[in-house]
């Protein structure tokens, strides 16, 4: 589905557009479409690296994980909660 866009041109840009349409023997719409596509292609060539490329460059610089089991609070949440409650009870702040 085509989309219509309307905009105003300053006199200098309008003159350039008229000259391009005569020189290339094309419509104003076609000249503007080509210019937009060319601008998009030139910007796409200078694209930023993806997240994976950045991570792959940074990964060797990261410190390795410490050996041994990892401490997972989610596995011990009920025990940790009970310890907190007992400590508050003993301190008299429960």
C-alpha atoms as a PDB file:
ATOM      1  CA  UNK A   1       0.000   0.000   0.000  1.00  0.00           C
ATOM      2  CA  UNK A   2       1.447   3.345  -1.025  1.00  0.00           C
ATOM      3  CA  UNK A   3       1.802   6.217   1.384  1.00  0.00           C
ATOM      4  CA  UNK A   4       1.496   9.865   0.383  1.00  0.00           C
ATOM      5  CA  UNK A   5       3.724  12.459   1.972  1.00  0.00           C
ATOM      6  CA  UNK A   6       3.369  16.190   1.357  1.00  0.00           C
ATOM      7  CA  UNK A   7       6.062  18.711   2.218  1.00  0.00           C
ATOM      8  CA  UNK A   8       7.204  22.184   1.212  1.00  0.00           C
ATOM      9  CA  UNK A   9      10.474  22.872  -0.556  1.00  0.00           C
ATOM     10  CA  UNK A  10      12.510  26.012  -0.244  1.00  0.00           C
ATOM     11  CA  UNK A  11      13.210  27.718  -3.606  1.00  0.00           C
ATOM     12  CA  UNK A  12      16.762  26.338  -3.916  1.00  0.00           C
ATOM     13  CA  UNK A  13      15.699  22.735  -3.275  1.00  0.00           C
ATOM     14  CA  UNK A  14      12.764  23.104  -5.689  1.00  0.00           C
ATOM     15  CA  UNK A  15      15.184  24.333  -8.374  1.00  0.00           C
ATOM     16  CA  UNK A  16      17.479  21.342  -7.765  1.00  0.00           C
ATOM     17  CA  UNK A  17      14.531  18.954  -7.969  1.00  0.00           C
ATOM     18  CA  UNK A  18      13.357  20.459 -11.274  1.00  0.00           C
ATOM     19  CA  UNK A  19      16.876  20.199 -12.701  1.00  0.00           C
ATOM     20  CA  UNK A  20      17.186  16.559 -11.638  1.00  0.00           C
ATOM     21  CA  UNK A  21      13.833  15.615 -13.116  1.00  0.00           C
ATOM     22  CA  UNK A  22      14.816  17.173 -16.474  1.00  0.00           C
ATOM     23  CA  UNK A  23      18.328  15.740 -16.466  1.00  0.00           C
ATOM     24  CA  UNK A  24      17.272  12.185 -15.607  1.00  0.00           C
ATOM     25  CA  UNK A  25      13.953  12.353 -17.457  1.00  0.00           C
ATOM     26  CA  UNK A  26      12.096  11.019 -14.428  1.00  0.00           C
ATOM     27  CA  UNK A  27       9.237  12.162 -12.230  1.00  0.00           C
ATOM     28  CA  UNK A  28       9.734  14.151  -9.035  1.00  0.00           C
ATOM     29  CA  UNK A  29       8.481  11.179  -7.058  1.00  0.00           C
ATOM     30  CA  UNK A  30      11.031   8.822  -8.615  1.00  0.00           C
ATOM     31  CA  UNK A  31      13.909  11.247  -8.005  1.00  0.00           C
ATOM     32  CA  UNK A  32      12.929  11.664  -4.342  1.00  0.00           C
ATOM     33  CA  UNK A  33      12.545   7.871  -3.888  1.00  0.00           C
ATOM     34  CA  UNK A  34      16.007   7.277  -5.366  1.00  0.00           C
ATOM     35  CA  UNK A  35      17.527   9.940  -3.110  1.00  0.00           C
ATOM     36  CA  UNK A  36      15.936   8.407  -0.021  1.00  0.00           C
ATOM     37  CA  UNK A  37      17.092   4.907  -0.942  1.00  0.00           C
ATOM     38  CA  UNK A  38      20.640   6.142  -1.611  1.00  0.00           C
ATOM     39  CA  UNK A  39      20.697   7.937   1.748  1.00  0.00           C
ATOM     40  CA  UNK A  40      19.455   4.764   3.463  1.00  0.00           C
ATOM     41  CA  UNK A  41      22.111   2.594   1.803  1.00  0.00           C
ATOM     42  CA  UNK A  42      24.930   4.969   2.720  1.00  0.00           C
ATOM     43  CA  UNK A  43      23.743   5.035   6.338  1.00  0.00           C
ATOM     44  CA  UNK A  44      23.359   1.249   6.477  1.00  0.00           C
ATOM     45  CA  UNK A  45      26.971   0.702   5.465  1.00  0.00           C
ATOM     46  CA  UNK A  46      28.068   2.566   8.591  1.00  0.00           C
ATOM     47  CA  UNK A  47      25.849   0.473  10.851  1.00  0.00           C
ATOM     48  CA  UNK A  48      26.805   0.019  14.475  1.00  0.00           C
ATOM     49  CA  UNK A  49      27.959  -3.429  15.593  1.00  0.00           C
ATOM     50  CA  UNK A  50      25.332  -5.785  16.926  1.00  0.00           C
ATOM     51  CA  UNK A  51      25.103  -6.690  20.592  1.00  0.00           C
ATOM     52  CA  UNK A  52      26.615 -10.109  19.842  1.00  0.00           C
ATOM     53  CA  UNK A  53      29.659  -8.539  18.146  1.00  0.00           C
ATOM     54  CA  UNK A  54      30.242  -6.222  21.097  1.00  0.00           C
ATOM     55  CA  UNK A  55      29.880  -9.091  23.593  1.00  0.00           C
ATOM     56  CA  UNK A  56      32.224 -11.358  21.638  1.00  0.00           C
ATOM     57  CA  UNK A  57      34.901  -8.653  21.803  1.00  0.00           C
ATOM     58  CA  UNK A  58      34.378  -8.054  25.535  1.00  0.00           C
ATOM     59  CA  UNK A  59      34.043 -11.696  26.615  1.00  0.00           C
ATOM     60  CA  UNK A  60      37.796 -12.458  26.698  1.00  0.00           C
ATOM     61  CA  UNK A  61      38.327  -9.403  28.931  1.00  0.00           C
ATOM     62  CA  UNK A  62      35.773 -10.507  31.563  1.00  0.00           C
ATOM     63  CA  UNK A  63      36.953 -12.126  34.793  1.00  0.00           C
ATOM     64  CA  UNK A  64      36.140 -15.835  34.920  1.00  0.00           C
ATOM     65  CA  UNK A  65      33.422 -17.011  37.289  1.00  0.00           C
ATOM     66  CA  UNK A  66      34.708 -18.315  40.630  1.00  0.00           C
ATOM     67  CA  UNK A  67      34.874 -22.113  40.882  1.00  0.00           C
ATOM     68  CA  UNK A  68      32.405 -24.055  42.975  1.00  0.00           C
ATOM     69  CA  UNK A  69      28.648 -23.958  43.394  1.00  0.00           C
ATOM     70  CA  UNK A  70      26.909 -20.664  42.819  1.00  0.00           C
ATOM     71  CA  UNK A  71      24.935 -19.146  45.634  1.00  0.00           C
ATOM     72  CA  UNK A  72      21.316 -19.090  44.639  1.00  0.00           C
ATOM     73  CA  UNK A  73      19.025 -17.202  46.992  1.00  0.00           C
ATOM     74  CA  UNK A  74      15.920 -18.510  45.239  1.00  0.00           C
ATOM     75  CA  UNK A  75      16.683 -22.075  46.334  1.00  0.00           C
ATOM     76  CA  UNK A  76      17.150 -21.081  49.960  1.00  0.00           C
ATOM     77  CA  UNK A  77      14.517 -18.366  50.274  1.00  0.00           C
ATOM     78  CA  UNK A  78      12.465 -20.085  52.972  1.00  0.00           C
ATOM     79  CA  UNK A  79      15.546 -20.782  55.120  1.00  0.00           C
ATOM     80  CA  UNK A  80      16.814 -17.212  54.691  1.00  0.00           C
ATOM     81  CA  UNK A  81      13.375 -15.818  55.544  1.00  0.00           C
ATOM     82  CA  UNK A  82      13.191 -17.898  58.736  1.00  0.00           C
ATOM     83  CA  UNK A  83      16.666 -16.724  59.763  1.00  0.00           C
ATOM     84  CA  UNK A  84      15.637 -13.089  59.300  1.00  0.00           C
ATOM     85  CA  UNK A  85      12.466 -13.598  61.344  1.00  0.00           C
ATOM     86  CA  UNK A  86      14.358 -15.395  64.152  1.00  0.00           C
ATOM     87  CA  UNK A  87      16.962 -12.594  64.237  1.00  0.00           C
ATOM     88  CA  UNK A  88      14.218  -9.952  64.482  1.00  0.00           C
ATOM     89  CA  UNK A  89      12.465 -11.951  67.218  1.00  0.00           C
ATOM     90  CA  UNK A  90      15.678 -12.194  69.231  1.00  0.00           C
ATOM     91  CA  UNK A  91      16.325  -8.468  68.775  1.00  0.00           C
ATOM     92  CA  UNK A  92      12.788  -7.662  69.907  1.00  0.00           C
ATOM     93  CA  UNK A  93      11.900  -5.814  66.716  1.00  0.00           C
ATOM     94  CA  UNK A  94       9.396  -8.348  65.386  1.00  0.00           C
END
